[in-house]
Amino acid sequence: VCVTQRPARCDQSDRGGSMLTSEQILLAAKQLDGAEKNKQPIKPLTLSLEGIGMDDAYAIQKAWVEMKQARGDEVTGYKIGLTSRAMQQAMEIDTPDFGVLFESMRFVNGSTIKADAFLDPRIEAEFAFVMKSSLFGEDLSVEAVLGATDYVAPALELISARSYRVDPDSGYTRNVFDTIADNAASAGYILGEQRIDPNEVDLRWSGALLYVDGTIEETGLGAAVMDHPARGISWVCKRFAQYGVGLETGQTVLSGSFTRPVPISSGTQIRADYGPFGDISVAFR
């Protein structure tokens, strides 16, 4: 079930809250949709939509999600982003964000993917939680999240920017509101085959070595995600709870990256070594 209500406003200042009309929201969603279809990035929305707030950004995301659903794409879960302190500081925000995962975004381990199918593609390593039961609540403990989790899987997330990260004409840099509207930059995900019982391992001390073309590029541990990847799941549940919405059985939730985004292009070979939990590999052509 996709969240159809607009999420709550961020705790920090969101530059005026909701400022846009329904027509502006729909037009912005259509622009992002067109950028993805035509493989041509648009200017950051906040460059022209001055005063856009957090509510507006999620409203644009919601409108775009509904367009995809209307075309028959199925929601499979959510991704949580900006969970590390370093990324929050870089984006000048003090809270994570979320986006929606679709069936069309799912790739199998070992896939070969066309790099030019995505705009400014990058890849990150993280853990995915697959739910065995619904999960709802504003103050869920790590234990409650783990209790509702069927299994955790190693994961790679492919991210994309449908609006320029830096506008080539003005030099303007897109901000967190642009990213949220852009479905939190979500573009694809790959799960490893191994199913991890989160009650049997310490996810804080579990992580990956990320190799690019055979050279180690990044390393990270689950603790980089709010001190425990399950806290990312708790956070998104808190966002949804006041609207009577929760996570559903079978949904996949990417809990947040513990590595920086690594740029990829045609010819790039990616391997994520999760140690006892196996490898994920993907090639780009």
C-alpha atoms as a PDB file:
ATOM      1  CA  VAL A   1       0.000   0.000   0.000  1.00  0.00           C
ATOM      2  CA  CYS A   2       1.458   3.315  -1.005  1.00  0.00           C
ATOM      3  CA  VAL A   3       1.220   6.278   1.322  1.00  0.00           C
ATOM      4  CA  THR A   4      -1.384   8.533  -0.234  1.00  0.00           C
ATOM      5  CA  GLN A   5      -1.418  11.145   2.498  1.00  0.00           C
ATOM      6  CA  ARG A   6       1.195  13.859   2.610  1.00  0.00           C
ATOM      7  CA  PRO A   7       3.776  13.114   5.287  1.00  0.00           C
ATOM      8  CA  ALA A   8       4.261  15.386   8.238  1.00  0.00           C
ATOM      9  CA  ARG A   9       6.429  18.447   8.002  1.00  0.00           C
ATOM     10  CA  CYS A  10      10.074  18.150   8.939  1.00  0.00           C
ATOM     11  CA  ASP A  11      11.039  19.172  12.457  1.00  0.00           C
ATOM     12  CA  GLN A  12      13.388  21.822  11.119  1.00  0.00           C
ATOM     13  CA  SER A  13      12.334  24.947   9.242  1.00  0.00           C
ATOM     14  CA  ASP A  14      10.930  23.988   5.862  1.00  0.00           C
ATOM     15  CA  ARG A  15      10.878  27.409   4.257  1.00  0.00           C
ATOM     16  CA  GLY A  16       7.211  28.149   4.788  1.00  0.00           C
ATOM     17  CA  GLY A  17       5.557  24.740   4.609  1.00  0.00           C
ATOM     18  CA  SER A  18       3.004  24.175   1.852  1.00  0.00           C
ATOM     19  CA  MET A  19       3.163  26.953  -0.720  1.00  0.00           C
ATOM     20  CA  LEU A  20       2.221  25.352  -4.046  1.00  0.00           C
ATOM     21  CA  THR A  21      -1.135  24.990  -5.740  1.00  0.00           C
ATOM     22  CA  SER A  22      -2.381  21.577  -6.875  1.00  0.00           C
ATOM     23  CA  GLU A  23      -1.695  22.662 -10.459  1.00  0.00           C
ATOM     24  CA  GLN A  24       1.924  23.504  -9.660  1.00  0.00           C
ATOM     25  CA  ILE A  25       2.378  20.193  -7.865  1.00  0.00           C
ATOM     26  CA  LEU A  26       1.004  18.207 -10.804  1.00  0.00           C
ATOM     27  CA  LEU A  27       3.111  20.136 -13.329  1.00  0.00           C
ATOM     28  CA  ALA A  28       6.273  19.526 -11.306  1.00  0.00           C
ATOM     29  CA  ALA A  29       5.498  15.793 -11.116  1.00  0.00           C
ATOM     30  CA  LYS A  30       4.964  15.701 -14.892  1.00  0.00           C
ATOM     31  CA  GLN A  31       8.300  17.437 -15.428  1.00  0.00           C
ATOM     32  CA  LEU A  32      10.126  14.823 -13.343  1.00  0.00           C
ATOM     33  CA  ASP A  33       8.263  12.033 -15.114  1.00  0.00           C
ATOM     34  CA  GLY A  34       9.206  13.477 -18.490  1.00  0.00           C
ATOM     35  CA  ALA A  35      12.837  13.817 -17.445  1.00  0.00           C
ATOM     36  CA  GLU A  36      12.967  10.142 -16.518  1.00  0.00           C
ATOM     37  CA  LYS A  37      11.232   9.028 -19.719  1.00  0.00           C
ATOM     38  CA  ASN A  38      13.261  11.269 -22.040  1.00  0.00           C
ATOM     39  CA  LYS A  39      16.589  10.803 -20.210  1.00  0.00           C
ATOM     40  CA  GLN A  40      16.971  14.561 -20.035  1.00  0.00           C
ATOM     41  CA  PRO A  41      17.333  16.228 -16.615  1.00  0.00           C
ATOM     42  CA  ILE A  42      15.305  19.302 -15.770  1.00  0.00           C
ATOM     43  CA  LYS A  43      16.405  22.326 -13.801  1.00  0.00           C
ATOM     44  CA  PRO A  44      16.034  21.931 -10.019  1.00  0.00           C
ATOM     45  CA  LEU A  45      12.417  22.604  -9.122  1.00  0.00           C
ATOM     46  CA  THR A  46      13.378  24.919  -6.285  1.00  0.00           C
ATOM     47  CA  LEU A  47      15.081  27.213  -8.796  1.00  0.00           C
ATOM     48  CA  SER A  48      11.700  28.281 -10.189  1.00  0.00           C
ATOM     49  CA  LEU A  49       9.338  27.268  -7.364  1.00  0.00           C
ATOM     50  CA  GLU A  50      10.681  29.729  -4.842  1.00  0.00           C
ATOM     51  CA  GLY A  51       9.498  29.074  -1.303  1.00  0.00           C
ATOM     52  CA  ILE A  52       8.759  25.379  -1.843  1.00  0.00           C
ATOM     53  CA  GLY A  53       8.507  23.529   1.499  1.00  0.00           C
ATOM     54  CA  MET A  54       8.852  19.991   2.777  1.00  0.00           C
ATOM     55  CA  ASP A  55       5.112  19.347   2.421  1.00  0.00           C
ATOM     56  CA  ASP A  56       5.248  20.522  -1.189  1.00  0.00           C
ATOM     57  CA  ALA A  57       8.193  18.279  -1.984  1.00  0.00           C
ATOM     58  CA  TYR A  58       6.413  15.193  -0.677  1.00  0.00           C
ATOM     59  CA  ALA A  59       3.217  16.234  -2.475  1.00  0.00           C
ATOM     60  CA  ILE A  60       5.127  16.332  -5.778  1.00  0.00           C
ATOM     61  CA  GLN A  61       6.619  12.923  -4.992  1.00  0.00           C
ATOM     62  CA  LYS A  62       3.150  11.578  -4.234  1.00  0.00           C
ATOM     63  CA  ALA A  63       1.732  12.919  -7.503  1.00  0.00           C
ATOM     64  CA  TRP A  64       4.557  11.290  -9.453  1.00  0.00           C
ATOM     65  CA  VAL A  65       4.097   7.992  -7.613  1.00  0.00           C
ATOM     66  CA  GLU A  66       0.409   8.023  -8.523  1.00  0.00           C
ATOM     67  CA  MET A  67       1.303   8.524 -12.199  1.00  0.00           C
ATOM     68  CA  LYS A  68       3.470   5.407 -12.095  1.00  0.00           C
ATOM     69  CA  GLN A  69       0.765   3.425 -10.320  1.00  0.00           C
ATOM     70  CA  ALA A  70      -1.790   4.514 -12.918  1.00  0.00           C
ATOM     71  CA  ARG A  71       0.474   2.996 -15.591  1.00  0.00           C
ATOM     72  CA  GLY A  72       0.413  -0.320 -13.722  1.00  0.00           C
ATOM     73  CA  ASP A  73       3.723  -0.221 -11.851  1.00  0.00           C
ATOM     74  CA  GLU A  74       3.430  -1.921  -8.458  1.00  0.00           C
ATOM     75  CA  VAL A  75       4.717  -0.443  -5.209  1.00  0.00           C
ATOM     76  CA  THR A  76       7.037  -2.948  -3.519  1.00  0.00           C
ATOM     77  CA  GLY A  77       8.175  -0.859  -0.550  1.00  0.00           C
ATOM     78  CA  TYR A  78      10.175   2.208   0.419  1.00  0.00           C
ATOM     79  CA  LYS A  79      13.707   3.559   0.578  1.00  0.00           C
ATOM     80  CA  ILE A  80      15.024   5.686   3.397  1.00  0.00           C
ATOM     81  CA  GLY A  81      17.744   8.203   2.671  1.00  0.00           C
ATOM     82  CA  LEU A  82      19.859  10.813   4.413  1.00  0.00           C
ATOM     83  CA  THR A  83      20.231   8.591   7.461  1.00  0.00           C
ATOM     84  CA  SER A  84      23.901   9.339   8.141  1.00  0.00           C
ATOM     85  CA  ARG A  85      25.064  12.492   9.918  1.00  0.00           C
ATOM     86  CA  ALA A  86      27.506  13.233   7.107  1.00  0.00           C
ATOM     87  CA  MET A  87      24.770  13.210   4.448  1.00  0.00           C
ATOM     88  CA  GLN A  88      22.397  15.242   6.611  1.00  0.00           C
ATOM     89  CA  GLN A  89      25.044  17.886   7.138  1.00  0.00           C
ATOM     90  CA  ALA A  90      25.832  17.940   3.417  1.00  0.00           C
ATOM     91  CA  MET A  91      22.138  18.522   2.612  1.00  0.00           C
ATOM     92  CA  GLU A  92      21.636  20.927   5.533  1.00  0.00           C
ATOM     93  CA  ILE A  93      18.838  18.875   7.071  1.00  0.00           C
ATOM     94  CA  ASP A  94      18.411  17.154  10.421  1.00  0.00           C
ATOM     95  CA  THR A  95      16.086  14.319   9.452  1.00  0.00           C
ATOM     96  CA  PRO A  96      16.057  11.425   6.942  1.00  0.00           C
ATOM     97  CA  ASP A  97      13.793  11.334   3.891  1.00  0.00           C
ATOM     98  CA  PHE A  98      11.952   8.557   2.079  1.00  0.00           C
ATOM     99  CA  GLY A  99      10.935   7.490  -1.409  1.00  0.00           C
ATOM    100  CA  VAL A 100       8.849   4.733  -2.960  1.00  0.00           C
ATOM    101  CA  LEU A 101      10.138   1.499  -4.526  1.00  0.00           C
ATOM    102  CA  PHE A 102       8.445  -0.019  -7.569  1.00  0.00           C
ATOM    103  CA  GLU A 103       8.539  -3.452  -9.163  1.00  0.00           C
ATOM    104  CA  SER A 104      10.171  -1.875 -12.228  1.00  0.00           C
ATOM    105  CA  MET A 105      13.119  -0.841 -10.037  1.00  0.00           C
ATOM    106  CA  ARG A 106      13.978  -4.393  -8.954  1.00  0.00           C
ATOM    107  CA  PHE A 107      17.081  -6.015 -10.498  1.00  0.00           C
ATOM    108  CA  VAL A 108      18.487  -9.444  -9.692  1.00  0.00           C
ATOM    109  CA  ASN A 109      21.963 -10.065  -8.334  1.00  0.00           C
ATOM    110  CA  GLY A 110      24.415 -10.408 -11.222  1.00  0.00           C
ATOM    111  CA  SER A 111      22.381  -8.231 -13.579  1.00  0.00           C
ATOM    112  CA  THR A 112      23.816  -6.218 -16.435  1.00  0.00           C
ATOM    113  CA  ILE A 113      22.113  -2.831 -16.553  1.00  0.00           C
ATOM    114  CA  LYS A 114      22.176  -0.092 -19.178  1.00  0.00           C
ATOM    115  CA  ALA A 115      23.889   2.860 -17.537  1.00  0.00           C
ATOM    116  CA  ASP A 116      22.325   5.377 -19.912  1.00  0.00           C
ATOM    117  CA  ALA A 117      18.853   4.310 -18.782  1.00  0.00           C
ATOM    118  CA  PHE A 118      19.467   6.502 -15.729  1.00  0.00           C
ATOM    119  CA  LEU A 119      20.391  10.133 -15.218  1.00  0.00           C
ATOM    120  CA  ASP A 120      23.633  10.691 -13.297  1.00  0.00           C
ATOM    121  CA  PRO A 121      23.465   7.189 -11.770  1.00  0.00           C
ATOM    122  CA  ARG A 122      25.214   6.286  -8.531  1.00  0.00           C
ATOM    123  CA  ILE A 123      25.181   3.248  -6.276  1.00  0.00           C
ATOM    124  CA  GLU A 124      25.167   2.712  -2.504  1.00  0.00           C
ATOM    125  CA  ALA A 125      25.435  -0.246  -0.122  1.00  0.00           C
ATOM    126  CA  GLU A 126      22.902  -0.889   2.628  1.00  0.00           C
ATOM    127  CA  PHE A 127      20.578  -3.432   4.246  1.00  0.00           C
ATOM    128  CA  ALA A 128      17.036  -4.210   3.122  1.00  0.00           C
ATOM    129  CA  PHE A 129      14.313  -5.260   5.578  1.00  0.00           C
ATOM    130  CA  VAL A 130      11.562  -7.529   4.256  1.00  0.00           C
ATOM    131  CA  MET A 131       8.465  -7.425   6.437  1.00  0.00           C
ATOM    132  CA  LYS A 132       6.748 -10.586   7.717  1.00  0.00           C
ATOM    133  CA  SER A 133       3.933  -8.628   9.343  1.00  0.00           C
ATOM    134  CA  SER A 134       2.509  -5.135   9.213  1.00  0.00           C
ATOM    135  CA  LEU A 135       4.263  -2.509  11.288  1.00  0.00           C
ATOM    136  CA  PHE A 136       2.626   0.616  12.649  1.00  0.00           C
ATOM    137  CA  GLY A 137       3.500   3.096  15.369  1.00  0.00           C
ATOM    138  CA  GLU A 138       5.025   6.445  16.260  1.00  0.00           C
ATOM    139  CA  ASP A 139       7.638   5.202  18.726  1.00  0.00           C
ATOM    140  CA  LEU A 140       8.752   1.739  17.655  1.00  0.00           C
ATOM    141  CA  SER A 141      11.797   0.199  19.301  1.00  0.00           C
ATOM    142  CA  VAL A 142      14.540  -1.616  17.422  1.00  0.00           C
ATOM    143  CA  GLU A 143      13.175  -4.827  18.937  1.00  0.00           C
ATOM    144  CA  ALA A 144       9.676  -4.121  17.587  1.00  0.00           C
ATOM    145  CA  VAL A 145      11.065  -3.550  14.097  1.00  0.00           C
ATOM    146  CA  LEU A 146      13.089  -6.750  14.227  1.00  0.00           C
ATOM    147  CA  GLY A 147      10.051  -8.646  15.472  1.00  0.00           C
ATOM    148  CA  ALA A 148       8.068  -7.609  12.388  1.00  0.00           C
ATOM    149  CA  THR A 149      10.937  -8.391  10.005  1.00  0.00           C
ATOM    150  CA  ASP A 150      10.927 -11.635   8.029  1.00  0.00           C
ATOM    151  CA  TYR A 151      14.577 -11.258   7.092  1.00  0.00           C
ATOM    152  CA  VAL A 152      17.254  -8.727   6.242  1.00  0.00           C
ATOM    153  CA  ALA A 153      19.150  -8.910   2.962  1.00  0.00           C
ATOM    154  CA  PRO A 154      22.310  -7.231   1.715  1.00  0.00           C
ATOM    155  CA  ALA A 155      21.320  -4.606  -0.834  1.00  0.00           C
ATOM    156  CA  LEU A 156      22.604  -2.149  -3.380  1.00  0.00           C
ATOM    157  CA  GLU A 157      20.564   0.925  -4.227  1.00  0.00           C
ATOM    158  CA  LEU A 158      20.807   2.634  -7.589  1.00  0.00           C
ATOM    159  CA  ILE A 159      20.066   6.336  -7.341  1.00  0.00           C
ATOM    160  CA  SER A 160      19.415   8.862 -10.086  1.00  0.00           C
ATOM    161  CA  ALA A 161      18.880  12.618 -10.413  1.00  0.00           C
ATOM    162  CA  ARG A 162      16.008  13.609 -12.672  1.00  0.00           C
ATOM    163  CA  SER A 163      16.868  17.246 -11.986  1.00  0.00           C
ATOM    164  CA  TYR A 164      20.397  18.599 -12.306  1.00  0.00           C
ATOM    165  CA  ARG A 165      22.450  18.336  -9.145  1.00  0.00           C
ATOM    166  CA  VAL A 166      24.045  21.576 -10.340  1.00  0.00           C
ATOM    167  CA  ASP A 167      22.183  23.611 -12.945  1.00  0.00           C
ATOM    168  CA  PRO A 168      24.591  24.086 -15.892  1.00  0.00           C
ATOM    169  CA  ASP A 169      23.283  27.567 -16.703  1.00  0.00           C
ATOM    170  CA  SER A 170      23.106  29.209 -13.292  1.00  0.00           C
ATOM    171  CA  GLY A 171      25.370  27.031 -11.155  1.00  0.00           C
ATOM    172  CA  TYR A 172      22.467  26.574  -8.721  1.00  0.00           C
ATOM    173  CA  THR A 173      22.758  23.415  -6.597  1.00  0.00           C
ATOM    174  CA  ARG A 174      19.618  21.435  -5.950  1.00  0.00           C
ATOM    175  CA  ASN A 175      18.631  20.982  -2.314  1.00  0.00           C
ATOM    176  CA  VAL A 176      16.844  18.408  -0.185  1.00  0.00           C
ATOM    177  CA  PHE A 177      13.394  19.530  -1.378  1.00  0.00           C
ATOM    178  CA  ASP A 178      14.434  18.789  -4.969  1.00  0.00           C
ATOM    179  CA  THR A 179      15.679  15.364  -3.881  1.00  0.00           C
ATOM    180  CA  ILE A 180      12.484  14.494  -1.998  1.00  0.00           C
ATOM    181  CA  ALA A 181      10.289  15.567  -4.928  1.00  0.00           C
ATOM    182  CA  ASP A 182      12.514  13.390  -7.137  1.00  0.00           C
ATOM    183  CA  ASN A 183      11.294  10.303  -5.227  1.00  0.00           C
ATOM    184  CA  ALA A 184      14.318  10.663  -2.925  1.00  0.00           C
ATOM    185  CA  ALA A 185      16.508   9.911  -5.986  1.00  0.00           C
ATOM    186  CA  SER A 186      15.318   6.294  -6.009  1.00  0.00           C
ATOM    187  CA  ALA A 187      15.930   4.420  -9.274  1.00  0.00           C
ATOM    188  CA  GLY A 188      16.664   0.744  -8.596  1.00  0.00           C
ATOM    189  CA  TYR A 189      17.650  -1.882  -6.065  1.00  0.00           C
ATOM    190  CA  ILE A 190      19.385  -5.253  -5.997  1.00  0.00           C
ATOM    191  CA  LEU A 191      19.087  -7.724  -3.121  1.00  0.00           C
ATOM    192  CA  GLY A 192      21.579 -10.426  -2.247  1.00  0.00           C
ATOM    193  CA  GLU A 193      20.370 -14.009  -1.993  1.00  0.00           C
ATOM    194  CA  GLN A 194      21.249 -14.558   1.642  1.00  0.00           C
ATOM    195  CA  ARG A 195      18.477 -14.041   4.163  1.00  0.00           C
ATOM    196  CA  ILE A 196      19.776 -12.755   7.460  1.00  0.00           C
ATOM    197  CA  ASP A 197      17.934 -13.329  10.729  1.00  0.00           C
ATOM    198  CA  PRO A 198      18.306  -9.893  12.350  1.00  0.00           C
ATOM    199  CA  ASN A 199      17.867 -11.415  15.795  1.00  0.00           C
ATOM    200  CA  GLU A 200      20.928 -13.614  15.274  1.00  0.00           C
ATOM    201  CA  VAL A 201      23.426 -10.966  14.132  1.00  0.00           C
ATOM    202  CA  ASP A 202      24.433  -7.495  15.258  1.00  0.00           C
ATOM    203  CA  LEU A 203      23.548  -5.331  12.265  1.00  0.00           C
ATOM    204  CA  ARG A 204      25.419  -2.408  13.809  1.00  0.00           C
ATOM    205  CA  TRP A 205      28.674  -4.298  13.243  1.00  0.00           C
ATOM    206  CA  SER A 206      27.661  -5.795   9.895  1.00  0.00           C
ATOM    207  CA  GLY A 207      28.554  -4.061   6.665  1.00  0.00           C
ATOM    208  CA  ALA A 208      30.217  -4.273   3.285  1.00  0.00           C
ATOM    209  CA  LEU A 209      33.277  -3.582   1.176  1.00  0.00           C
ATOM    210  CA  LEU A 210      32.259  -1.839  -2.040  1.00  0.00           C
ATOM    211  CA  TYR A 211      34.480  -2.518  -5.058  1.00  0.00           C
ATOM    212  CA  VAL A 212      34.416  -0.525  -8.309  1.00  0.00           C
ATOM    213  CA  ASP A 213      36.165  -2.217 -11.231  1.00  0.00           C
ATOM    214  CA  GLY A 214      38.013  -4.460  -8.816  1.00  0.00           C
ATOM    215  CA  THR A 215      39.303  -1.635  -6.605  1.00  0.00           C
ATOM    216  CA  ILE A 216      37.919  -1.083  -3.133  1.00  0.00           C
ATOM    217  CA  GLU A 217      36.149   2.257  -3.111  1.00  0.00           C
ATOM    218  CA  GLU A 218      34.051   2.347   0.074  1.00  0.00           C
ATOM    219  CA  THR A 219      33.535   0.471   3.324  1.00  0.00           C
ATOM    220  CA  GLY A 220      30.835   0.886   5.918  1.00  0.00           C
ATOM    221  CA  LEU A 221      28.958  -0.571   8.874  1.00  0.00           C
ATOM    222  CA  GLY A 222      25.269  -0.659   9.681  1.00  0.00           C
ATOM    223  CA  ALA A 223      25.810   1.568  12.711  1.00  0.00           C
ATOM    224  CA  ALA A 224      26.277   4.518  10.318  1.00  0.00           C
ATOM    225  CA  VAL A 225      22.504   4.378   9.841  1.00  0.00           C
ATOM    226  CA  MET A 226      21.205   6.130  12.961  1.00  0.00           C
ATOM    227  CA  ASP A 227      23.283   3.747  15.134  1.00  0.00           C
ATOM    228  CA  HIS A 228      21.212   0.770  13.902  1.00  0.00           C
ATOM    229  CA  PRO A 229      19.585   0.134  10.495  1.00  0.00           C
ATOM    230  CA  ALA A 230      16.293  -0.763  12.200  1.00  0.00           C
ATOM    231  CA  ARG A 231      16.018   2.828  13.414  1.00  0.00           C
ATOM    232  CA  GLY A 232      15.519   3.887   9.824  1.00  0.00           C
ATOM    233  CA  ILE A 233      12.485   1.605   9.675  1.00  0.00           C
ATOM    234  CA  SER A 234      11.198   3.033  12.943  1.00  0.00           C
ATOM    235  CA  TRP A 235      11.629   6.561  11.582  1.00  0.00           C
ATOM    236  CA  VAL A 236       9.551   5.946   8.466  1.00  0.00           C
ATOM    237  CA  CYS A 237       6.825   4.285  10.546  1.00  0.00           C
ATOM    238  CA  LYS A 238       6.684   7.396  12.725  1.00  0.00           C
ATOM    239  CA  ARG A 239       6.250   9.543   9.610  1.00  0.00           C
ATOM    240  CA  PHE A 240       3.347   7.393   8.417  1.00  0.00           C
ATOM    241  CA  ALA A 241       1.610   6.649  11.723  1.00  0.00           C
ATOM    242  CA  GLN A 242      -0.281   9.917  12.177  1.00  0.00           C
ATOM    243  CA  TYR A 243      -2.050   9.206   8.889  1.00  0.00           C
ATOM    244  CA  GLY A 244      -3.070   5.703   9.908  1.00  0.00           C
ATOM    245  CA  VAL A 245      -0.541   4.176   7.521  1.00  0.00           C
ATOM    246  CA  GLY A 246       2.085   1.544   8.234  1.00  0.00           C
ATOM    247  CA  LEU A 247       4.365  -0.896   6.488  1.00  0.00           C
ATOM    248  CA  GLU A 248       2.697  -3.960   5.009  1.00  0.00           C
ATOM    249  CA  THR A 249       3.570  -7.657   4.973  1.00  0.00           C
ATOM    250  CA  GLY A 250       5.971  -8.493   2.161  1.00  0.00           C
ATOM    251  CA  GLN A 251       7.181  -4.955   1.575  1.00  0.00           C
ATOM    252  CA  THR A 252      10.886  -4.278   1.165  1.00  0.00           C
ATOM    253  CA  VAL A 253      12.390  -1.282   2.955  1.00  0.00           C
ATOM    254  CA  LEU A 254      15.894  -0.059   2.181  1.00  0.00           C
ATOM    255  CA  SER A 255      17.055   1.159   5.576  1.00  0.00           C
ATOM    256  CA  GLY A 256      19.639   3.724   4.449  1.00  0.00           C
ATOM    257  CA  SER A 257      23.110   3.671   2.984  1.00  0.00           C
ATOM    258  CA  PHE A 258      26.247   3.240   5.053  1.00  0.00           C
ATOM    259  CA  THR A 259      28.518   4.202   2.129  1.00  0.00           C
ATOM    260  CA  ARG A 260      28.698   7.361   0.069  1.00  0.00           C
ATOM    261  CA  PRO A 261      27.104   7.277  -3.407  1.00  0.00           C
ATOM    262  CA  VAL A 262      29.584   5.979  -5.993  1.00  0.00           C
ATOM    263  CA  PRO A 263      29.162   7.283  -9.577  1.00  0.00           C
ATOM    264  CA  ILE A 264      28.807   4.643 -12.268  1.00  0.00           C
ATOM    265  CA  SER A 265      28.882   4.699 -16.069  1.00  0.00           C
ATOM    266  CA  SER A 266      28.956   2.295 -19.009  1.00  0.00           C
ATOM    267  CA  GLY A 267      31.583  -0.360 -18.359  1.00  0.00           C
ATOM    268  CA  THR A 268      31.550  -0.034 -14.555  1.00  0.00           C
ATOM    269  CA  GLN A 269      31.669  -3.293 -12.596  1.00  0.00           C
ATOM    270  CA  ILE A 270      30.345  -3.212  -9.032  1.00  0.00           C
ATOM    271  CA  ARG A 271      30.829  -5.816  -6.323  1.00  0.00           C
ATOM    272  CA  ALA A 272      29.694  -5.462  -2.735  1.00  0.00           C
ATOM    273  CA  ASP A 273      31.330  -7.953  -0.366  1.00  0.00           C
ATOM    274  CA  TYR A 274      29.142  -8.488   2.709  1.00  0.00           C
ATOM    275  CA  GLY A 275      31.499 -11.071   4.195  1.00  0.00           C
ATOM    276  CA  PRO A 276      29.510 -13.973   5.715  1.00  0.00           C
ATOM    277  CA  PHE A 277      26.365 -12.658   4.022  1.00  0.00           C
ATOM    278  CA  GLY A 278      27.677 -13.040   0.486  1.00  0.00           C
ATOM    279  CA  ASP A 279      28.324 -10.776  -2.481  1.00  0.00           C
ATOM    280  CA  ILE A 280      26.208  -8.612  -4.734  1.00  0.00           C
ATOM    281  CA  SER A 281      27.503  -7.863  -8.207  1.00  0.00           C
ATOM    282  CA  VAL A 282      26.152  -5.740 -11.014  1.00  0.00           C
ATOM    283  CA  ALA A 283      27.638  -4.638 -14.316  1.00  0.00           C
ATOM    284  CA  PHE A 284      26.771  -1.529 -16.323  1.00  0.00           C
ATOM    285  CA  ARG A 285      26.936  -1.377 -20.100  1.00  0.00           C
END
